[in-house]
C-alpha atoms as a PDB file:
ATOM      1  CA  MET A   1      90.826 123.982  99.437  1.00  0.00           C
ATOM      2  CA  ASN A   2      91.471 120.766 102.347  1.00  0.00           C
ATOM      3  CA  PHE A   3      92.180 117.139 102.225  1.00  0.00           C
ATOM      4  CA  PHE A   4      89.341 115.768 101.710  1.00  0.00           C
ATOM      5  CA  GLN A   5      88.328 118.355  99.457  1.00  0.00           C
ATOM      6  CA  ARG A   6      90.451 117.519  97.131  1.00  0.00           C
ATOM      7  CA  TRP A   7      89.567 113.951  97.077  1.00  0.00           C
ATOM      8  CA  THR A   8      86.121 114.778  96.254  1.00  0.00           C
ATOM      9  CA  LYS A   9      83.772 115.192  93.490  1.00  0.00           C
ATOM     10  CA  PRO A  10      82.381 119.220  93.192  1.00  0.00           C
ATOM     11  CA  GLU A  11      79.058 119.585  94.428  1.00  0.00           C
ATOM     12  CA  LYS A  12      75.829 119.404  92.692  1.00  0.00           C
ATOM     13  CA  LYS A  13      73.170 120.982  93.542  1.00  0.00           C
ATOM     14  CA  ALA A  14      69.898 119.956  93.998  1.00  0.00           C
ATOM     15  CA  PRO A  15      67.223 119.776  91.719  1.00  0.00           C
ATOM     16  CA  ALA A  16      65.070 122.741  92.046  1.00  0.00           C
ATOM     17  CA  GLY A  17      61.338 122.133  93.763  1.00  0.00           C
ATOM     18  CA  THR A  18      62.555 119.650  95.969  1.00  0.00           C
ATOM     19  CA  GLY A  19      64.032 119.168  98.987  1.00  0.00           C
ATOM     20  CA  PRO A  20      66.057 117.790 101.181  1.00  0.00           C
ATOM     21  CA  GLN A  21      66.063 113.739 101.672  1.00  0.00           C
ATOM     22  CA  SER A  22      67.712 112.316 104.798  1.00  0.00           C
ATOM     23  CA  PRO A  23      69.920 109.509 104.934  1.00  0.00           C
ATOM     24  CA  GLU A  24      68.366 106.699 104.928  1.00  0.00           C
ATOM     25  CA  ASP A  25      66.291 107.029 101.356  1.00  0.00           C
ATOM     26  CA  GLN A  26      68.944 108.508  99.610  1.00  0.00           C
ATOM     27  CA  ASP A  27      70.685 106.429  97.041  1.00  0.00           C
ATOM     28  CA  PRO A  28      73.875 105.640  98.450  1.00  0.00           C
ATOM     29  CA  ALA A  29      75.629 107.140  94.902  1.00  0.00           C
ATOM     30  CA  GLU A  30      72.875 110.164  94.711  1.00  0.00           C
ATOM     31  CA  ALA A  31      74.651 111.410  97.786  1.00  0.00           C
ATOM     32  CA  GLU A  32      77.480 111.078  96.896  1.00  0.00           C
ATOM     33  CA  ALA A  33      77.020 112.968  94.129  1.00  0.00           C
ATOM     34  CA  GLU A  34      74.819 115.918  95.545  1.00  0.00           C
ATOM     35  CA  THR A  35      76.856 116.413  98.496  1.00  0.00           C
ATOM     36  CA  GLY A  36      80.114 116.535  97.226  1.00  0.00           C
ATOM     37  CA  SER A  37      83.810 117.561  99.099  1.00  0.00           C
ATOM     38  CA  SER A  38      81.349 120.258 101.357  1.00  0.00           C
ATOM     39  CA  GLY A  39      79.143 118.211 102.274  1.00  0.00           C
ATOM     40  CA  LEU A  40      81.338 115.366 102.904  1.00  0.00           C
ATOM     41  CA  ALA A  41      84.240 117.905 105.436  1.00  0.00           C
ATOM     42  CA  ASN A  42      79.860 119.051 107.159  1.00  0.00           C
ATOM     43  CA  LEU A  43      79.738 114.987 107.825  1.00  0.00           C
ATOM     44  CA  LEU A  44      83.222 115.220 109.346  1.00  0.00           C
ATOM     45  CA  GLY A  45      82.705 118.448 110.990  1.00  0.00           C
ATOM     46  CA  ARG A  46      78.985 116.212 112.486  1.00  0.00           C
ATOM     47  CA  LEU A  47      81.210 113.801 113.431  1.00  0.00           C
ATOM     48  CA  GLU A  48      83.510 115.133 115.212  1.00  0.00           C
ATOM     49  CA  ALA A  49      81.587 117.168 116.650  1.00  0.00           C
ATOM     50  CA  LEU A  50      79.082 114.601 117.988  1.00  0.00           C
ATOM     51  CA  ALA A  51      81.936 112.855 119.387  1.00  0.00           C
ATOM     52  CA  ALA A  52      83.498 115.317 120.743  1.00  0.00           C
ATOM     53  CA  THR A  53      80.255 115.037 123.164  1.00  0.00           C
ATOM     54  CA  GLY A  54      79.444 112.144 124.344  1.00  0.00           C
ATOM     55  CA  LYS A  55      77.142 110.913 121.281  1.00  0.00           C
ATOM     56  CA  MET A  56      78.769 107.899 120.404  1.00  0.00           C
ATOM     57  CA  HIS A  57      75.424 106.117 119.682  1.00  0.00           C
ATOM     58  CA  GLU A  58      74.362 109.143 117.362  1.00  0.00           C
ATOM     59  CA  ALA A  59      78.081 109.269 115.572  1.00  0.00           C
ATOM     60  CA  ASP A  60      78.937 105.473 115.197  1.00  0.00           C
ATOM     61  CA  ALA A  61      75.226 106.279 113.107  1.00  0.00           C
ATOM     62  CA  LEU A  62      77.076 108.850 111.084  1.00  0.00           C
ATOM     63  CA  ARG A  63      79.601 106.880 110.636  1.00  0.00           C
ATOM     64  CA  GLU A  64      77.688 104.289 109.280  1.00  0.00           C
ATOM     65  CA  TYR A  65      76.365 106.717 106.154  1.00  0.00           C
ATOM     66  CA  ILE A  66      79.564 108.183 105.385  1.00  0.00           C
ATOM     67  CA  ALA A  67      81.020 104.290 104.809  1.00  0.00           C
ATOM     68  CA  ARG A  68      77.609 103.516 103.102  1.00  0.00           C
ATOM     69  CA  ASN A  69      76.691 106.619 101.016  1.00  0.00           C
ATOM     70  CA  HIS A  70      80.804 107.794 100.265  1.00  0.00           C
ATOM     71  CA  LYS A  71      82.441 104.997  99.023  1.00  0.00           C
ATOM     72  CA  ALA A  72      83.892 106.213  95.739  1.00  0.00           C
ATOM     73  CA  THR A  73      85.267 108.768  97.451  1.00  0.00           C
ATOM     74  CA  LEU A  74      87.020 107.278 100.279  1.00  0.00           C
ATOM     75  CA  LYS A  75      88.683 104.460  97.071  1.00  0.00           C
ATOM     76  CA  ARG A  76      89.756 107.579  95.510  1.00  0.00           C
ATOM     77  CA  MET A  77      91.230 108.426  98.578  1.00  0.00           C
ATOM     78  CA  SER A  78      93.394 105.404  98.992  1.00  0.00           C
ATOM     79  CA  ALA A  79      94.607 105.060  95.369  1.00  0.00           C
ATOM     80  CA  GLY A  80      95.856 108.690  96.240  1.00  0.00           C
ATOM     81  CA  MET A  81      97.475 106.955  99.243  1.00  0.00           C
ATOM     82  CA  GLY A  82      98.600 104.396  97.292  1.00  0.00           C
ATOM     83  CA  LYS A  83     100.782 107.547  94.740  1.00  0.00           C
ATOM     84  CA  ILE A  84     101.728 109.556  98.000  1.00  0.00           C
ATOM     85  CA  SER A  85     103.418 105.970  98.863  1.00  0.00           C
ATOM     86  CA  GLY A  86     105.662 105.896  95.760  1.00  0.00           C
ATOM     87  CA  GLY A  87     106.434 109.618  95.043  1.00  0.00           C
ATOM     88  CA  LEU A  88     108.109 109.055  98.726  1.00  0.00           C
ATOM     89  CA  ARG A  89     109.460 106.280  98.387  1.00  0.00           C
ATOM     90  CA  SER A  90     110.749 107.511  95.030  1.00  0.00           C
ATOM     91  CA  LEU A  91     112.521 110.343  96.763  1.00  0.00           C
ATOM     92  CA  ALA A  92     114.097 108.783  99.916  1.00  0.00           C
ATOM     93  CA  VAL A  93     115.489 107.045  97.277  1.00  0.00           C
ATOM     94  CA  GLN A  94     116.658 109.597  94.939  1.00  0.00           C
ATOM     95  CA  SER A  95     118.408 111.237  98.962  1.00  0.00           C
ATOM     96  CA  ALA A  96     120.302 108.319  99.589  1.00  0.00           C
ATOM     97  CA  HIS A  97     121.675 107.793  95.321  1.00  0.00           C
ATOM     98  CA  GLY A  98     122.445 111.455  95.945  1.00  0.00           C
ATOM     99  CA  ALA A  99     125.021 110.509  99.808  1.00  0.00           C
ATOM    100  CA  ALA A 100     126.357 107.437  98.214  1.00  0.00           C
ATOM    101  CA  HIS A 101     127.956 109.755  95.555  1.00  0.00           C
ATOM    102  CA  LEU A 102     128.943 112.279  97.982  1.00  0.00           C
ATOM    103  CA  ASP A 103     131.852 111.100  98.532  1.00  0.00           C
ATOM    104  CA  PRO A 104     133.873 114.269 101.715  1.00  0.00           C
ATOM    105  CA  ASN A 105     136.981 112.954 101.294  1.00  0.00           C
ATOM    106  CA  VAL A 106     137.938 112.674  97.444  1.00  0.00           C
ATOM    107  CA  LEU A 107     139.519 116.742  97.401  1.00  0.00           C
ATOM    108  CA  GLY A 108     141.139 115.628 100.402  1.00  0.00           C
ATOM    109  CA  ARG A 109     143.299 112.255  98.265  1.00  0.00           C
ATOM    110  CA  ILE A 110     143.167 115.684  95.259  1.00  0.00           C
ATOM    111  CA  LEU A 111     145.869 117.384  97.819  1.00  0.00           C
ATOM    112  CA  ASP A 112     147.325 114.327  99.017  1.00  0.00           C
ATOM    113  CA  ARG A 113     148.920 113.044  95.520  1.00  0.00           C
ATOM    114  CA  MET A 114     149.442 116.554  94.643  1.00  0.00           C
ATOM    115  CA  ASP A 115     151.486 117.044  97.834  1.00  0.00           C
ATOM    116  CA  GLY A 116     153.944 113.981  96.304  1.00  0.00           C
ATOM    117  CA  LEU A 117     154.631 115.268  92.731  1.00  0.00           C
ATOM    118  CA  GLY A 118     157.285 116.219  91.804  1.00  0.00           C
ATOM    119  CA  ASP A 119     158.861 114.690  95.569  1.00  0.00           C
ATOM    120  CA  ALA A 120     160.402 111.572  93.278  1.00  0.00           C
ATOM    121  CA  THR A 121     161.440 113.793  90.870  1.00  0.00           C
ATOM    122  CA  LEU A 122     163.734 115.553  92.473  1.00  0.00           C
ATOM    123  CA  ARG A 123     164.998 111.939  94.267  1.00  0.00           C
ATOM    124  CA  GLN A 124     166.545 111.164  89.868  1.00  0.00           C
ATOM    125  CA  ILE A 125     167.901 114.582  90.380  1.00  0.00           C
ATOM    126  CA  GLU A 126     169.574 114.079  93.292  1.00  0.00           C
ATOM    127  CA  GLY A 127     170.590 110.411  92.720  1.00  0.00           C
ATOM    128  CA  ARG A 128     171.941 111.250  88.985  1.00  0.00           C
ATOM    129  CA  ILE A 129     174.203 114.440  90.990  1.00  0.00           C
ATOM    130  CA  GLY A 130     176.333 111.677  92.985  1.00  0.00           C
ATOM    131  CA  VAL A 131     176.647 109.558  90.368  1.00  0.00           C
ATOM    132  CA  THR A 132     178.313 111.796  87.355  1.00  0.00           C
ATOM    133  CA  VAL A 133     182.324 112.515  86.549  1.00  0.00           C
ATOM    134  CA  SER A 134     181.280 115.536  84.520  1.00  0.00           C
ATOM    135  CA  ARG A 135     181.730 118.955  86.159  1.00  0.00           C
ATOM    136  CA  ASP A 136     179.519 120.255  83.798  1.00  0.00           C
ATOM    137  CA  ASP A 137     176.964 117.568  84.153  1.00  0.00           C
ATOM    138  CA  ARG A 138     176.583 117.927  87.668  1.00  0.00           C
ATOM    139  CA  ARG A 139     176.643 121.597  87.032  1.00  0.00           C
ATOM    140  CA  GLN A 140     173.361 121.762  85.322  1.00  0.00           C
ATOM    141  CA  LEU A 141     172.023 118.724  87.554  1.00  0.00           C
ATOM    142  CA  GLN A 142     172.689 121.456  90.692  1.00  0.00           C
ATOM    143  CA  VAL A 143     170.771 123.883  88.301  1.00  0.00           C
ATOM    144  CA  LEU A 144     167.771 121.756  87.938  1.00  0.00           C
ATOM    145  CA  ARG A 145     167.714 120.429  91.233  1.00  0.00           C
ATOM    146  CA  ASP A 146     167.213 124.678  92.225  1.00  0.00           C
ATOM    147  CA  GLU A 147     164.802 125.341  89.948  1.00  0.00           C
ATOM    148  CA  MET A 148     162.910 121.490  91.222  1.00  0.00           C
ATOM    149  CA  ARG A 149     162.925 122.455  95.015  1.00  0.00           C
ATOM    150  CA  LYS A 150     162.304 126.468  94.102  1.00  0.00           C
ATOM    151  CA  TRP A 151     158.806 125.007  92.438  1.00  0.00           C
ATOM    152  CA  LEU A 152     158.182 122.557  95.411  1.00  0.00           C
ATOM    153  CA  ASP A 153     158.155 124.893  97.656  1.00  0.00           C
ATOM    154  CA  ALA A 154     156.043 126.506  95.044  1.00  0.00           C
ATOM    155  CA  ARG A 155     153.680 123.268  95.211  1.00  0.00           C
ATOM    156  CA  ASP A 156     154.182 123.327  99.542  1.00  0.00           C
ATOM    157  CA  ALA A 157     152.803 127.127  99.334  1.00  0.00           C
ATOM    158  CA  HIS A 158     149.549 126.841  97.051  1.00  0.00           C
ATOM    159  CA  LEU A 159     148.313 123.574  98.531  1.00  0.00           C
ATOM    160  CA  GLN A 160     149.052 124.596 102.464  1.00  0.00           C
ATOM    161  CA  GLU A 161     146.328 127.793 101.450  1.00  0.00           C
ATOM    162  CA  ALA A 162     144.060 125.067  99.442  1.00  0.00           C
ATOM    163  CA  GLN A 163     144.079 122.943 102.490  1.00  0.00           C
ATOM    164  CA  LEU A 164     141.710 125.464 104.358  1.00  0.00           C
ATOM    165  CA  ALA A 165     138.711 125.622 101.160  1.00  0.00           C
ATOM    166  CA  VAL A 166     139.129 121.841 101.064  1.00  0.00           C
ATOM    167  CA  ASP A 167     138.577 120.984 105.032  1.00  0.00           C
ATOM    168  CA  ASP A 168     135.719 123.836 104.664  1.00  0.00           C
ATOM    169  CA  LEU A 169     134.036 121.738 101.866  1.00  0.00           C
ATOM    170  CA  SER A 170     134.900 118.672 103.349  1.00  0.00           C
ATOM    171  CA  ALA A 171     132.485 119.522 106.261  1.00  0.00           C
ATOM    172  CA  GLY A 172     129.793 120.835 104.708  1.00  0.00           C
ATOM    173  CA  ALA A 173     129.969 118.043 102.028  1.00  0.00           C
ATOM    174  CA  GLY A 174     130.416 115.262 104.951  1.00  0.00           C
ATOM    175  CA  GLU A 175     127.082 116.928 106.728  1.00  0.00           C
ATOM    176  CA  LEU A 176     125.485 117.617 103.250  1.00  0.00           C
ATOM    177  CA  ARG A 177     125.865 113.356 102.785  1.00  0.00           C
ATOM    178  CA  GLU A 178     124.468 112.695 106.831  1.00  0.00           C
ATOM    179  CA  GLU A 179     121.245 114.955 106.015  1.00  0.00           C
ATOM    180  CA  LEU A 180     120.498 112.803 103.227  1.00  0.00           C
ATOM    181  CA  LEU A 181     120.665 109.939 105.201  1.00  0.00           C
ATOM    182  CA  LYS A 182     118.379 110.697 107.035  1.00  0.00           C
ATOM    183  CA  ARG A 183     116.155 112.617 104.765  1.00  0.00           C
ATOM    184  CA  SER A 184     115.874 109.418 103.223  1.00  0.00           C
ATOM    185  CA  ASP A 185     114.918 107.331 106.611  1.00  0.00           C
ATOM    186  CA  ARG A 186     112.421 109.834 106.953  1.00  0.00           C
ATOM    187  CA  LEU A 187     110.433 109.323 103.299  1.00  0.00           C
ATOM    188  CA  THR A 188     111.710 106.021 104.155  1.00  0.00           C
ATOM    189  CA  LYS A 189     109.875 105.402 107.036  1.00  0.00           C
ATOM    190  CA  ALA A 190     106.518 107.916 105.613  1.00  0.00           C
ATOM    191  CA  ALA A 191     106.337 105.810 102.321  1.00  0.00           C
ATOM    192  CA  GLU A 192     105.651 102.832 104.220  1.00  0.00           C
ATOM    193  CA  ILE A 193     103.228 103.852 107.328  1.00  0.00           C
ATOM    194  CA  THR A 194     100.921 105.956 104.230  1.00  0.00           C
ATOM    195  CA  ALA A 195     101.468 102.538 101.941  1.00  0.00           C
ATOM    196  CA  TRP A 196      99.904 101.106 105.193  1.00  0.00           C
ATOM    197  CA  VAL A 197      96.510 104.023 105.024  1.00  0.00           C
ATOM    198  CA  ALA A 198      96.504 103.194 101.245  1.00  0.00           C
ATOM    199  CA  HIS A 199      95.816  98.983 102.247  1.00  0.00           C
ATOM    200  CA  THR A 200      93.207 100.180 104.120  1.00  0.00           C
ATOM    201  CA  PRO A 201      90.566  97.317 103.468  1.00  0.00           C
ATOM    202  CA  ASP A 202      86.891  99.091 102.734  1.00  0.00           C
ATOM    203  CA  SER A 203      85.427  98.038 105.828  1.00  0.00           C
ATOM    204  CA  GLU A 204      87.990 100.953 106.914  1.00  0.00           C
ATOM    205  CA  ALA A 205      87.849 103.166 104.762  1.00  0.00           C
ATOM    206  CA  LEU A 206      86.242 105.379 107.032  1.00  0.00           C
ATOM    207  CA  ARG A 207      89.279 106.679 108.849  1.00  0.00           C
ATOM    208  CA  HIS A 208      90.515 108.224 105.872  1.00  0.00           C
ATOM    209  CA  ALA A 209      87.874 110.974 106.180  1.00  0.00           C
ATOM    210  CA  MET A 210      88.353 111.149 110.275  1.00  0.00           C
ATOM    211  CA  PRO A 211      90.257 114.726 112.078  1.00  0.00           C
ATOM    212  CA  GLU A 212      93.379 112.664 112.025  1.00  0.00           C
ATOM    213  CA  ALA A 213      92.835 111.935 109.041  1.00  0.00           C
ATOM    214  CA  ALA A 214      93.828 115.267 108.100  1.00  0.00           C
ATOM    215  CA  GLU A 215      96.902 115.297 110.928  1.00  0.00           C
ATOM    216  CA  PHE A 216      98.216 112.841 109.348  1.00  0.00           C
ATOM    217  CA  ALA A 217      98.470 114.860 105.714  1.00  0.00           C
ATOM    218  CA  ASP A 218      99.750 117.744 107.400  1.00  0.00           C
ATOM    219  CA  SER A 219     102.409 116.003 108.943  1.00  0.00           C
ATOM    220  CA  LEU A 220     103.480 114.211 105.193  1.00  0.00           C
ATOM    221  CA  ARG A 221     103.354 118.097 104.452  1.00  0.00           C
ATOM    222  CA  ASN A 222     106.277 119.423 106.263  1.00  0.00           C
ATOM    223  CA  LEU A 223     108.011 116.195 106.063  1.00  0.00           C
ATOM    224  CA  LEU A 224     108.279 117.389 102.550  1.00  0.00           C
ATOM    225  CA  ALA A 225     108.196 120.894 103.287  1.00  0.00           C
ATOM    226  CA  GLU A 226     111.733 119.805 106.018  1.00  0.00           C
ATOM    227  CA  SER A 227     112.893 117.693 102.990  1.00  0.00           C
ATOM    228  CA  ARG A 228     112.973 120.023 100.154  1.00  0.00           C
ATOM    229  CA  PHE A 229     116.818 121.265  99.319  1.00  0.00           C
ATOM    230  CA  THR A 230     117.127 125.597  99.195  1.00  0.00           C
ATOM    231  CA  LEU A 231     120.331 127.343  98.295  1.00  0.00           C
ATOM    232  CA  ASP A 232     121.456 127.801 101.683  1.00  0.00           C
ATOM    233  CA  ASP A 233     121.410 124.833 102.011  1.00  0.00           C
END
């Protein structure tokens, strides 16, 4: 089903025994009900062919006929474009929200706090050793100091190993944040363009059924496909 068929009513067959009516003789409501999605698509194909062969007078007449006899379909297209614009804006807000809450430096700050953990305690122990008079008390403090130094050495070794993983995660988080911001910007711009298309006046509603509209729909589809996250992202 193509772009136009999604926004048109199912085709209705003409009653048996009746011949086809000319566009000028048909009631607009009846014409739209009878042509349906396939009829509109065929008319658009004819319109494109006439324009391509330079038959502009006939193309203008057919364009007026489509605009007159498919008003309801074209209005549904406008309403649909309005909903699409709202959906694009929602996706843009979600992407921006995700970027705002993604801090690539948070793990680095945790490591910085861990790097200073225990240093103050060691300084306090060494300070107590310098002012303690009793040999037994000094010996106990020296043992505690040596144990604290061993713990700090083990801490530094663990931090050095963790730093490599943190650097990789921080870089990945930074890239993801930038990608979220870019996607939010693209979706916002697409929403603005779609909103402009949705507010097309009735006198220009035929633009929804032009070949360019299908190209625009394909562009939106590709944009959404590019903005979709996968487990590999």
